[in-house]
PDB file of N, CA and C in Angstrom:
ATOM      1  N   MET A   1     -11.905  32.394  -7.005  1.00  0.00           N
ATOM      2  CA  MET A   1     -11.676  31.127  -6.329  1.00  0.00           C
ATOM      3  C   MET A   1     -12.510  31.112  -5.058  1.00  0.00           C
ATOM      4  N   THR A   2     -13.589  30.369  -5.036  1.00  0.00           N
ATOM      5  CA  THR A   2     -14.483  30.330  -3.891  1.00  0.00           C
ATOM      6  C   THR A   2     -14.374  28.974  -3.193  1.00  0.00           C
ATOM      7  N   ALA A   3     -14.229  29.018  -1.868  1.00  0.00           N
ATOM      8  CA  ALA A   3     -14.219  27.786  -1.087  1.00  0.00           C
ATOM      9  C   ALA A   3     -15.589  27.132  -1.201  1.00  0.00           C
ATOM     10  N   ALA A   4     -15.615  25.810  -1.220  1.00  0.00           N
ATOM     11  CA  ALA A   4     -16.888  25.102  -1.292  1.00  0.00           C
ATOM     12  C   ALA A   4     -17.782  25.524  -0.130  1.00  0.00           C
ATOM     13  N   ARG A   5     -17.256  25.457   1.067  1.00  0.00           N
ATOM     14  CA  ARG A   5     -17.985  25.899   2.250  1.00  0.00           C
ATOM     15  C   ARG A   5     -16.996  26.385   3.293  1.00  0.00           C
ATOM     16  N   ALA A   6     -17.503  27.173   4.191  1.00  0.00           N
ATOM     17  CA  ALA A   6     -16.704  27.641   5.319  1.00  0.00           C
ATOM     18  C   ALA A   6     -16.776  26.605   6.435  1.00  0.00           C
ATOM     19  N   ALA A   7     -15.803  26.647   7.332  1.00  0.00           N
ATOM     20  CA  ALA A   7     -15.809  25.796   8.509  1.00  0.00           C
ATOM     21  C   ALA A   7     -15.278  26.597   9.688  1.00  0.00           C
ATOM     22  N   VAL A   8     -15.743  26.239  10.860  1.00  0.00           N
ATOM     23  CA  VAL A   8     -15.238  26.844  12.088  1.00  0.00           C
ATOM     24  C   VAL A   8     -14.800  25.731  13.031  1.00  0.00           C
ATOM     25  N   ILE A   9     -13.758  26.022  13.777  1.00  0.00           N
ATOM     26  CA  ILE A   9     -13.220  25.080  14.760  1.00  0.00           C
ATOM     27  C   ILE A   9     -13.197  25.815  16.094  1.00  0.00           C
ATOM     28  N   TYR A  10     -13.677  25.153  17.134  1.00  0.00           N
ATOM     29  CA  TYR A  10     -13.659  25.748  18.471  1.00  0.00           C
ATOM     30  C   TYR A  10     -12.814  24.883  19.389  1.00  0.00           C
ATOM     31  N   THR A  11     -12.022  25.539  20.224  1.00  0.00           N
ATOM     32  CA  THR A  11     -11.301  24.847  21.286  1.00  0.00           C
ATOM     33  C   THR A  11     -11.024  25.816  22.427  1.00  0.00           C
ATOM     34  N   PRO A  12     -11.016  25.336  23.659  1.00  0.00           N
ATOM     35  CA  PRO A  12     -10.536  26.152  24.776  1.00  0.00           C
ATOM     36  C   PRO A  12      -9.032  25.938  24.941  1.00  0.00           C
ATOM     37  N   LEU A  13      -8.349  26.999  25.331  1.00  0.00           N
ATOM     38  CA  LEU A  13      -6.914  26.947  25.582  1.00  0.00           C
ATOM     39  C   LEU A  13      -6.629  27.607  26.927  1.00  0.00           C
ATOM     40  N   PRO A  14      -5.471  27.342  27.514  1.00  0.00           N
ATOM     41  CA  PRO A  14      -5.215  27.837  28.873  1.00  0.00           C
ATOM     42  C   PRO A  14      -5.117  29.352  29.004  1.00  0.00           C
ATOM     43  N   ASP A  15      -4.631  30.041  27.959  1.00  0.00           N
ATOM     44  CA  ASP A  15      -4.495  31.498  28.065  1.00  0.00           C
ATOM     45  C   ASP A  15      -4.329  32.109  26.666  1.00  0.00           C
ATOM     46  N   ALA A  16      -4.397  33.428  26.612  1.00  0.00           N
ATOM     47  CA  ALA A  16      -4.339  34.142  25.329  1.00  0.00           C
ATOM     48  C   ALA A  16      -2.986  33.978  24.646  1.00  0.00           C
ATOM     49  N   GLU A  17      -1.910  33.907  25.405  1.00  0.00           N
ATOM     50  CA  GLU A  17      -0.586  33.744  24.800  1.00  0.00           C
ATOM     51  C   GLU A  17      -0.497  32.415  24.051  1.00  0.00           C
ATOM     52  N   CYS A  18      -0.969  31.355  24.669  1.00  0.00           N
ATOM     53  CA  CYS A  18      -0.991  30.046  24.012  1.00  0.00           C
ATOM     54  C   CYS A  18      -1.869  30.098  22.763  1.00  0.00           C
ATOM     55  N   ALA A  19      -3.015  30.744  22.887  1.00  0.00           N
ATOM     56  CA  ALA A  19      -3.936  30.865  21.752  1.00  0.00           C
ATOM     57  C   ALA A  19      -3.286  31.622  20.593  1.00  0.00           C
ATOM     58  N   ARG A  20      -2.592  32.718  20.889  1.00  0.00           N
ATOM     59  CA  ARG A  20      -1.911  33.489  19.835  1.00  0.00           C
ATOM     60  C   ARG A  20      -0.824  32.662  19.157  1.00  0.00           C
ATOM     61  N   ASP A  21      -0.068  31.909  19.950  1.00  0.00           N
ATOM     62  CA  ASP A  21       1.006  31.083  19.387  1.00  0.00           C
ATOM     63  C   ASP A  21       0.448  30.025  18.435  1.00  0.00           C
ATOM     64  N   ILE A  22      -0.589  29.331  18.871  1.00  0.00           N
ATOM     65  CA  ILE A  22      -1.184  28.290  18.036  1.00  0.00           C
ATOM     66  C   ILE A  22      -1.834  28.907  16.799  1.00  0.00           C
ATOM     67  N   ALA A  23      -2.538  30.013  16.982  1.00  0.00           N
ATOM     68  CA  ALA A  23      -3.153  30.694  15.834  1.00  0.00           C
ATOM     69  C   ALA A  23      -2.091  31.100  14.819  1.00  0.00           C
ATOM     70  N   GLY A  24      -0.973  31.620  15.285  1.00  0.00           N
ATOM     71  CA  GLY A  24       0.106  32.012  14.381  1.00  0.00           C
ATOM     72  C   GLY A  24       0.643  30.848  13.575  1.00  0.00           C
ATOM     73  N   THR A  25       0.807  29.713  14.221  1.00  0.00           N
ATOM     74  CA  THR A  25       1.286  28.522  13.517  1.00  0.00           C
ATOM     75  C   THR A  25       0.288  28.078  12.453  1.00  0.00           C
ATOM     76  N   LEU A  26      -0.999  28.012  12.827  1.00  0.00           N
ATOM     77  CA  LEU A  26      -2.016  27.580  11.858  1.00  0.00           C
ATOM     78  C   LEU A  26      -2.151  28.572  10.705  1.00  0.00           C
ATOM     79  N   LEU A  27      -2.002  29.864  10.991  1.00  0.00           N
ATOM     80  CA  LEU A  27      -2.012  30.870   9.921  1.00  0.00           C
ATOM     81  C   LEU A  27      -0.814  30.679   8.997  1.00  0.00           C
ATOM     82  N   ASP A  28       0.374  30.530   9.587  1.00  0.00           N
ATOM     83  CA  ASP A  28       1.591  30.361   8.793  1.00  0.00           C
ATOM     84  C   ASP A  28       1.535  29.122   7.910  1.00  0.00           C
ATOM     85  N   GLU A  29       0.847  28.086   8.373  1.00  0.00           N
ATOM     86  CA  GLU A  29       0.762  26.833   7.622  1.00  0.00           C
ATOM     87  C   GLU A  29      -0.412  26.814   6.636  1.00  0.00           C
ATOM     88  N   GLY A  30      -1.158  27.910   6.548  1.00  0.00           N
ATOM     89  CA  GLY A  30      -2.258  28.008   5.592  1.00  0.00           C
ATOM     90  C   GLY A  30      -3.463  27.150   5.933  1.00  0.00           C
ATOM     91  N   LEU A  31      -3.618  26.828   7.222  1.00  0.00           N
ATOM     92  CA  LEU A  31      -4.721  25.970   7.640  1.00  0.00           C
ATOM     93  C   LEU A  31      -5.937  26.738   8.127  1.00  0.00           C
ATOM     94  N   ILE A  32      -5.751  28.004   8.489  1.00  0.00           N
ATOM     95  CA  ILE A  32      -6.851  28.875   8.899  1.00  0.00           C
ATOM     96  C   ILE A  32      -6.660  30.236   8.259  1.00  0.00           C
ATOM     97  N   ALA A  33      -7.730  31.015   8.234  1.00  0.00           N
ATOM     98  CA  ALA A  33      -7.652  32.386   7.745  1.00  0.00           C
ATOM     99  C   ALA A  33      -7.694  33.382   8.889  1.00  0.00           C
ATOM    100  N   CYS A  34      -8.218  32.956  10.047  1.00  0.00           N
ATOM    101  CA  CYS A  34      -8.410  33.873  11.167  1.00  0.00           C
ATOM    102  C   CYS A  34      -8.642  33.077  12.438  1.00  0.00           C
ATOM    103  N   ALA A  35      -8.281  33.670  13.557  1.00  0.00           N
ATOM    104  CA  ALA A  35      -8.620  33.108  14.866  1.00  0.00           C
ATOM    105  C   ALA A  35      -9.190  34.226  15.720  1.00  0.00           C
ATOM    106  N   ASN A  36     -10.337  33.981  16.303  1.00  0.00           N
ATOM    107  CA  ASN A  36     -10.918  34.910  17.267  1.00  0.00           C
ATOM    108  C   ASN A  36     -10.656  34.356  18.659  1.00  0.00           C
ATOM    109  N   ILE A  37      -9.856  35.075  19.417  1.00  0.00           N
ATOM    110  CA  ILE A  37      -9.543  34.674  20.788  1.00  0.00           C
ATOM    111  C   ILE A  37     -10.559  35.366  21.685  1.00  0.00           C
ATOM    112  N   LEU A  38     -11.401  34.553  22.292  1.00  0.00           N
ATOM    113  CA  LEU A  38     -12.506  35.070  23.096  1.00  0.00           C
ATOM    114  C   LEU A  38     -12.043  35.336  24.520  1.00  0.00           C
ATOM    115  N   GLY A  39     -12.764  36.196  25.213  1.00  0.00           N
ATOM    116  CA  GLY A  39     -12.423  36.546  26.589  1.00  0.00           C
ATOM    117  C   GLY A  39     -12.406  35.342  27.506  1.00  0.00           C
ATOM    118  N   PRO A  40     -11.929  35.539  28.693  1.00  0.00           N
ATOM    119  CA  PRO A  40     -11.842  34.417  29.628  1.00  0.00           C
ATOM    120  C   PRO A  40     -13.211  33.781  29.868  1.00  0.00           C
ATOM    121  N   VAL A  41     -13.192  32.467  29.945  1.00  0.00           N
ATOM    122  CA  VAL A  41     -14.379  31.701  30.280  1.00  0.00           C
ATOM    123  C   VAL A  41     -14.013  30.764  31.422  1.00  0.00           C
ATOM    124  N   GLU A  42     -14.993  30.397  32.190  1.00  0.00           N
ATOM    125  CA  GLU A  42     -14.754  29.397  33.223  1.00  0.00           C
ATOM    126  C   GLU A  42     -15.282  28.067  32.725  1.00  0.00           C
ATOM    127  N   ALA A  43     -14.429  27.076  32.737  1.00  0.00           N
ATOM    128  CA  ALA A  43     -14.812  25.725  32.349  1.00  0.00           C
ATOM    129  C   ALA A  43     -15.099  24.915  33.606  1.00  0.00           C
ATOM    130  N   VAL A  44     -16.203  24.203  33.606  1.00  0.00           N
ATOM    131  CA  VAL A  44     -16.551  23.277  34.676  1.00  0.00           C
ATOM    132  C   VAL A  44     -16.682  21.917  34.023  1.00  0.00           C
ATOM    133  N   PHE A  45     -15.926  20.938  34.504  1.00  0.00           N
ATOM    134  CA  PHE A  45     -15.847  19.664  33.802  1.00  0.00           C
ATOM    135  C   PHE A  45     -15.497  18.535  34.761  1.00  0.00           C
ATOM    136  N   LEU A  46     -15.702  17.323  34.296  1.00  0.00           N
ATOM    137  CA  LEU A  46     -15.283  16.138  35.041  1.00  0.00           C
ATOM    138  C   LEU A  46     -13.957  15.658  34.483  1.00  0.00           C
ATOM    139  N   TRP A  47     -13.013  15.409  35.366  1.00  0.00           N
ATOM    140  CA  TRP A  47     -11.708  14.903  34.962  1.00  0.00           C
ATOM    141  C   TRP A  47     -11.248  13.897  36.005  1.00  0.00           C
ATOM    142  N   ASN A  48     -10.955  12.691  35.547  1.00  0.00           N
ATOM    143  CA  ASN A  48     -10.536  11.609  36.443  1.00  0.00           C
ATOM    144  C   ASN A  48     -11.511  11.410  37.594  1.00  0.00           C
ATOM    145  N   GLY A  49     -12.807  11.489  37.284  1.00  0.00           N
ATOM    146  CA  GLY A  49     -13.842  11.234  38.265  1.00  0.00           C
ATOM    147  C   GLY A  49     -14.124  12.360  39.234  1.00  0.00           C
ATOM    148  N   LYS A  50     -13.490  13.508  39.043  1.00  0.00           N
ATOM    149  CA  LYS A  50     -13.691  14.658  39.943  1.00  0.00           C
ATOM    150  C   LYS A  50     -14.209  15.844  39.154  1.00  0.00           C
ATOM    151  N   ARG A  51     -15.054  16.645  39.808  1.00  0.00           N
ATOM    152  CA  ARG A  51     -15.489  17.900  39.204  1.00  0.00           C
ATOM    153  C   ARG A  51     -14.368  18.914  39.373  1.00  0.00           C
ATOM    154  N   GLU A  52     -14.010  19.546  38.278  1.00  0.00           N
ATOM    155  CA  GLU A  52     -12.934  20.540  38.248  1.00  0.00           C
ATOM    156  C   GLU A  52     -13.462  21.828  37.636  1.00  0.00           C
ATOM    157  N   SER A  53     -12.712  22.902  37.798  1.00  0.00           N
ATOM    158  CA  SER A  53     -12.992  24.137  37.076  1.00  0.00           C
ATOM    159  C   SER A  53     -11.662  24.813  36.768  1.00  0.00           C
ATOM    160  N   ALA A  54     -11.664  25.584  35.688  1.00  0.00           N
ATOM    161  CA  ALA A  54     -10.450  26.273  35.270  1.00  0.00           C
ATOM    162  C   ALA A  54     -10.829  27.496  34.452  1.00  0.00           C
ATOM    163  N   SER A  55      -9.975  28.489  34.494  1.00  0.00           N
ATOM    164  CA  SER A  55     -10.133  29.657  33.634  1.00  0.00           C
ATOM    165  C   SER A  55      -9.420  29.363  32.316  1.00  0.00           C
ATOM    166  N   GLU A  56     -10.101  29.614  31.218  1.00  0.00           N
ATOM    167  CA  GLU A  56      -9.548  29.367  29.892  1.00  0.00           C
ATOM    168  C   GLU A  56      -9.952  30.506  28.961  1.00  0.00           C
ATOM    169  N   VAL A  57      -9.409  30.487  27.756  1.00  0.00           N
ATOM    170  CA  VAL A  57      -9.904  31.350  26.691  1.00  0.00           C
ATOM    171  C   VAL A  57     -10.448  30.433  25.607  1.00  0.00           C
ATOM    172  N   GLY A  58     -11.558  30.825  25.015  1.00  0.00           N
ATOM    173  CA  GLY A  58     -12.087  30.081  23.886  1.00  0.00           C
ATOM    174  C   GLY A  58     -11.495  30.642  22.609  1.00  0.00           C
ATOM    175  N   VAL A  59     -11.278  29.784  21.640  1.00  0.00           N
ATOM    176  CA  VAL A  59     -10.746  30.234  20.362  1.00  0.00           C
ATOM    177  C   VAL A  59     -11.626  29.668  19.245  1.00  0.00           C
ATOM    178  N   LEU A  60     -12.013  30.547  18.343  1.00  0.00           N
ATOM    179  CA  LEU A  60     -12.800  30.173  17.177  1.00  0.00           C
ATOM    180  C   LEU A  60     -11.919  30.393  15.950  1.00  0.00           C
ATOM    181  N   PHE A  61     -11.576  29.310  15.286  1.00  0.00           N
ATOM    182  CA  PHE A  61     -10.739  29.365  14.086  1.00  0.00           C
ATOM    183  C   PHE A  61     -11.646  29.325  12.864  1.00  0.00           C
ATOM    184  N   LYS A  62     -11.381  30.188  11.889  1.00  0.00           N
ATOM    185  CA  LYS A  62     -12.148  30.213  10.639  1.00  0.00           C
ATOM    186  C   LYS A  62     -11.288  29.603   9.541  1.00  0.00           C
ATOM    187  N   THR A  63     -11.874  28.668   8.809  1.00  0.00           N
ATOM    188  CA  THR A  63     -11.144  27.983   7.759  1.00  0.00           C
ATOM    189  C   THR A  63     -12.106  27.572   6.650  1.00  0.00           C
ATOM    190  N   SER A  64     -11.588  26.854   5.688  1.00  0.00           N
ATOM    191  CA  SER A  64     -12.418  26.333   4.593  1.00  0.00           C
ATOM    192  C   SER A  64     -12.673  24.848   4.817  1.00  0.00           C
ATOM    193  N   GLU A  65     -13.714  24.360   4.184  1.00  0.00           N
ATOM    194  CA  GLU A  65     -14.043  22.941   4.300  1.00  0.00           C
ATOM    195  C   GLU A  65     -12.872  22.063   3.868  1.00  0.00           C
ATOM    196  N   CYS A  66     -12.151  22.484   2.847  1.00  0.00           N
ATOM    197  CA  CYS A  66     -11.050  21.658   2.340  1.00  0.00           C
ATOM    198  C   CYS A  66      -9.877  21.576   3.319  1.00  0.00           C
ATOM    199  N   ALA A  67      -9.762  22.523   4.232  1.00  0.00           N
ATOM    200  CA  ALA A  67      -8.647  22.540   5.179  1.00  0.00           C
ATOM    201  C   ALA A  67      -9.036  22.082   6.585  1.00  0.00           C
ATOM    202  N   VAL A  68     -10.319  21.871   6.831  1.00  0.00           N
ATOM    203  CA  VAL A  68     -10.763  21.656   8.212  1.00  0.00           C
ATOM    204  C   VAL A  68     -10.174  20.390   8.830  1.00  0.00           C
ATOM    205  N   ASP A  69     -10.130  19.293   8.117  1.00  0.00           N
ATOM    206  CA  ASP A  69      -9.598  18.054   8.703  1.00  0.00           C
ATOM    207  C   ASP A  69      -8.125  18.201   9.072  1.00  0.00           C
ATOM    208  N   GLN A  70      -7.359  18.786   8.166  1.00  0.00           N
ATOM    209  CA  GLN A  70      -5.931  18.981   8.440  1.00  0.00           C
ATOM    210  C   GLN A  70      -5.732  19.977   9.580  1.00  0.00           C
ATOM    211  N   ALA A  71      -6.564  21.022   9.643  1.00  0.00           N
ATOM    212  CA  ALA A  71      -6.454  22.007  10.717  1.00  0.00           C
ATOM    213  C   ALA A  71      -6.785  21.381  12.071  1.00  0.00           C
ATOM    214  N   VAL A  72      -7.813  20.559  12.126  1.00  0.00           N
ATOM    215  CA  VAL A  72      -8.178  19.887  13.385  1.00  0.00           C
ATOM    216  C   VAL A  72      -7.046  18.963  13.828  1.00  0.00           C
ATOM    217  N   ASP A  73      -6.491  18.213  12.894  1.00  0.00           N
ATOM    218  CA  ASP A  73      -5.391  17.308  13.223  1.00  0.00           C
ATOM    219  C   ASP A  73      -4.181  18.081  13.749  1.00  0.00           C
ATOM    220  N   ARG A  74      -3.819  19.137  13.057  1.00  0.00           N
ATOM    221  CA  ARG A  74      -2.654  19.937  13.480  1.00  0.00           C
ATOM    222  C   ARG A  74      -2.912  20.607  14.824  1.00  0.00           C
ATOM    223  N   LEU A  75      -4.112  21.125  15.019  1.00  0.00           N
ATOM    224  CA  LEU A  75      -4.467  21.737  16.297  1.00  0.00           C
ATOM    225  C   LEU A  75      -4.334  20.723  17.424  1.00  0.00           C
ATOM    226  N   GLY A  76      -4.747  19.500  17.187  1.00  0.00           N
ATOM    227  CA  GLY A  76      -4.601  18.456  18.199  1.00  0.00           C
ATOM    228  C   GLY A  76      -3.159  18.204  18.577  1.00  0.00           C
ATOM    229  N   LYS A  77      -2.262  18.318  17.613  1.00  0.00           N
ATOM    230  CA  LYS A  77      -0.833  18.126  17.887  1.00  0.00           C
ATOM    231  C   LYS A  77      -0.227  19.312  18.637  1.00  0.00           C
ATOM    232  N   LEU A  78      -0.736  20.516  18.380  1.00  0.00           N
ATOM    233  CA  LEU A  78      -0.205  21.721  19.023  1.00  0.00           C
ATOM    234  C   LEU A  78      -0.819  21.977  20.399  1.00  0.00           C
ATOM    235  N   HIS A  79      -1.991  21.446  20.640  1.00  0.00           N
ATOM    236  CA  HIS A  79      -2.761  21.734  21.851  1.00  0.00           C
ATOM    237  C   HIS A  79      -2.026  21.228  23.089  1.00  0.00           C
ATOM    238  N   PRO A  80      -1.949  22.034  24.145  1.00  0.00           N
ATOM    239  CA  PRO A  80      -1.202  21.626  25.328  1.00  0.00           C
ATOM    240  C   PRO A  80      -1.938  20.662  26.259  1.00  0.00           C
ATOM    241  N   TYR A  81      -3.237  20.491  26.100  1.00  0.00           N
ATOM    242  CA  TYR A  81      -3.989  19.626  27.010  1.00  0.00           C
ATOM    243  C   TYR A  81      -3.786  18.157  26.654  1.00  0.00           C
ATOM    244  N   GLU A  82      -3.814  17.315  27.657  1.00  0.00           N
ATOM    245  CA  GLU A  82      -3.698  15.872  27.468  1.00  0.00           C
ATOM    246  C   GLU A  82      -4.828  15.332  26.600  1.00  0.00           C
ATOM    247  N   THR A  83      -6.029  15.817  26.852  1.00  0.00           N
ATOM    248  CA  THR A  83      -7.207  15.428  26.074  1.00  0.00           C
ATOM    249  C   THR A  83      -7.918  16.699  25.634  1.00  0.00           C
ATOM    250  N   PRO A  84      -7.484  17.297  24.535  1.00  0.00           N
ATOM    251  CA  PRO A  84      -8.084  18.573  24.132  1.00  0.00           C
ATOM    252  C   PRO A  84      -9.508  18.406  23.609  1.00  0.00           C
ATOM    253  N   ALA A  85     -10.329  19.385  23.903  1.00  0.00           N
ATOM    254  CA  ALA A  85     -11.675  19.448  23.329  1.00  0.00           C
ATOM    255  C   ALA A  85     -11.582  20.293  22.067  1.00  0.00           C
ATOM    256  N   ILE A  86     -11.712  19.662  20.929  1.00  0.00           N
ATOM    257  CA  ILE A  86     -11.638  20.338  19.636  1.00  0.00           C
ATOM    258  C   ILE A  86     -12.851  19.890  18.836  1.00  0.00           C
ATOM    259  N   VAL A  87     -13.679  20.838  18.461  1.00  0.00           N
ATOM    260  CA  VAL A  87     -14.859  20.513  17.671  1.00  0.00           C
ATOM    261  C   VAL A  87     -14.893  21.413  16.437  1.00  0.00           C
ATOM    262  N   ALA A  88     -15.346  20.846  15.345  1.00  0.00           N
ATOM    263  CA  ALA A  88     -15.414  21.596  14.094  1.00  0.00           C
ATOM    264  C   ALA A  88     -16.787  21.431  13.475  1.00  0.00           C
ATOM    265  N   ASN A  89     -17.178  22.444  12.737  1.00  0.00           N
ATOM    266  CA  ASN A  89     -18.464  22.420  12.058  1.00  0.00           C
ATOM    267  C   ASN A  89     -18.298  23.040  10.672  1.00  0.00           C
ATOM    268  N   VAL A  90     -18.724  22.316   9.656  1.00  0.00           N
ATOM    269  CA  VAL A  90     -18.776  22.879   8.313  1.00  0.00           C
ATOM    270  C   VAL A  90     -20.079  23.663   8.230  1.00  0.00           C
ATOM    271  N   CYS A  91     -19.989  24.898   7.803  1.00  0.00           N
ATOM    272  CA  CYS A  91     -21.132  25.815   7.813  1.00  0.00           C
ATOM    273  C   CYS A  91     -22.015  25.603   6.583  1.00  0.00           C
ATOM    274  N   SER A  92     -23.295  25.586   6.809  1.00  0.00           N
ATOM    275  CA  SER A  92     -24.215  25.416   5.691  1.00  0.00           C
ATOM    276  C   SER A  92     -24.409  26.717   4.911  1.00  0.00           C
ATOM    277  N   HIS A  93     -24.104  27.850   5.534  1.00  0.00           N
ATOM    278  CA  HIS A  93     -24.270  29.147   4.871  1.00  0.00           C
ATOM    279  C   HIS A  93     -23.103  30.063   5.231  1.00  0.00           C
ATOM    280  N   ALA A  94     -22.659  30.822   4.263  1.00  0.00           N
ATOM    281  CA  ALA A  94     -21.634  31.838   4.488  1.00  0.00           C
ATOM    282  C   ALA A  94     -21.733  32.868   3.373  1.00  0.00           C
ATOM    283  N   HIS A  95     -21.338  34.072   3.665  1.00  0.00           N
ATOM    284  CA  HIS A  95     -21.333  35.147   2.685  1.00  0.00           C
ATOM    285  C   HIS A  95     -20.318  34.828   1.587  1.00  0.00           C
ATOM    286  N   ALA A  96     -20.617  35.161   0.361  1.00  0.00           N
ATOM    287  CA  ALA A  96     -19.733  34.868  -0.776  1.00  0.00           C
ATOM    288  C   ALA A  96     -18.348  35.479  -0.593  1.00  0.00           C
ATOM    289  N   ASP A  97     -18.271  36.696  -0.062  1.00  0.00           N
ATOM    290  CA  ASP A  97     -16.965  37.322   0.160  1.00  0.00           C
ATOM    291  C   ASP A  97     -16.161  36.559   1.212  1.00  0.00           C
ATOM    292  N   THR A  98     -16.837  36.029   2.213  1.00  0.00           N
ATOM    293  CA  THR A  98     -16.159  35.216   3.227  1.00  0.00           C
ATOM    294  C   THR A  98     -15.591  33.962   2.587  1.00  0.00           C
ATOM    295  N   LEU A  99     -16.364  33.308   1.746  1.00  0.00           N
ATOM    296  CA  LEU A  99     -15.891  32.101   1.072  1.00  0.00           C
ATOM    297  C   LEU A  99     -14.680  32.388   0.193  1.00  0.00           C
ATOM    298  N   ASP A 100     -14.709  33.508  -0.531  1.00  0.00           N
ATOM    299  CA  ASP A 100     -13.567  33.896  -1.364  1.00  0.00           C
ATOM    300  C   ASP A 100     -12.323  34.135  -0.511  1.00  0.00           C
ATOM    301  N   TRP A 101     -12.496  34.819   0.610  1.00  0.00           N
ATOM    302  CA  TRP A 101     -11.400  35.116   1.516  1.00  0.00           C
ATOM    303  C   TRP A 101     -10.801  33.828   2.076  1.00  0.00           C
ATOM    304  N   LEU A 102     -11.655  32.919   2.533  1.00  0.00           N
ATOM    305  CA  LEU A 102     -11.172  31.643   3.070  1.00  0.00           C
ATOM    306  C   LEU A 102     -10.415  30.849   2.009  1.00  0.00           C
ATOM    307  N   ALA A 103     -10.959  30.812   0.797  1.00  0.00           N
ATOM    308  CA  ALA A 103     -10.312  30.072  -0.288  1.00  0.00           C
ATOM    309  C   ALA A 103      -8.944  30.660  -0.638  1.00  0.00           C
ATOM    310  N   SER A 104      -8.809  31.973  -0.503  1.00  0.00           N
ATOM    311  CA  SER A 104      -7.542  32.610  -0.863  1.00  0.00           C
ATOM    312  C   SER A 104      -6.438  32.370   0.178  1.00  0.00           C
ATOM    313  N   LEU A 105      -6.820  31.974   1.382  1.00  0.00           N
ATOM    314  CA  LEU A 105      -5.828  31.854   2.462  1.00  0.00           C
ATOM    315  C   LEU A 105      -5.610  30.445   2.982  1.00  0.00           C
ATOM    316  N   THR A 106      -6.468  29.507   2.631  1.00  0.00           N
ATOM    317  CA  THR A 106      -6.339  28.146   3.154  1.00  0.00           C
ATOM    318  C   THR A 106      -6.183  27.161   2.016  1.00  0.00           C
ATOM    319  N   HIS A 107      -5.624  26.018   2.366  1.00  0.00           N
ATOM    320  CA  HIS A 107      -5.437  24.973   1.354  1.00  0.00           C
ATOM    321  C   HIS A 107      -5.603  23.588   1.976  1.00  0.00           C
TER     322      HIS A 107
END
């Protein structure tokens, strides 16, 4: 059973604990196969007309093309930010074993 294509979703979250909680929910619901919680990053952004900065963790979720829309939607509901930055990309290339793994864990 091979997934048509792999997909990745990226979002920043306030801290690793929040990232682990959300990753656990998405794993339990079969929407992702893995989450890589990246080290702290500094975000510099405009919010309400002011330049702001914050410490965050980046999270890269691995999923299948067939689950990406539902995973993005669910992530938006779980995300603690008022206006979360959530971006997804369907991958044009992936290793066959990766595709099999994604297909076995996502729906």
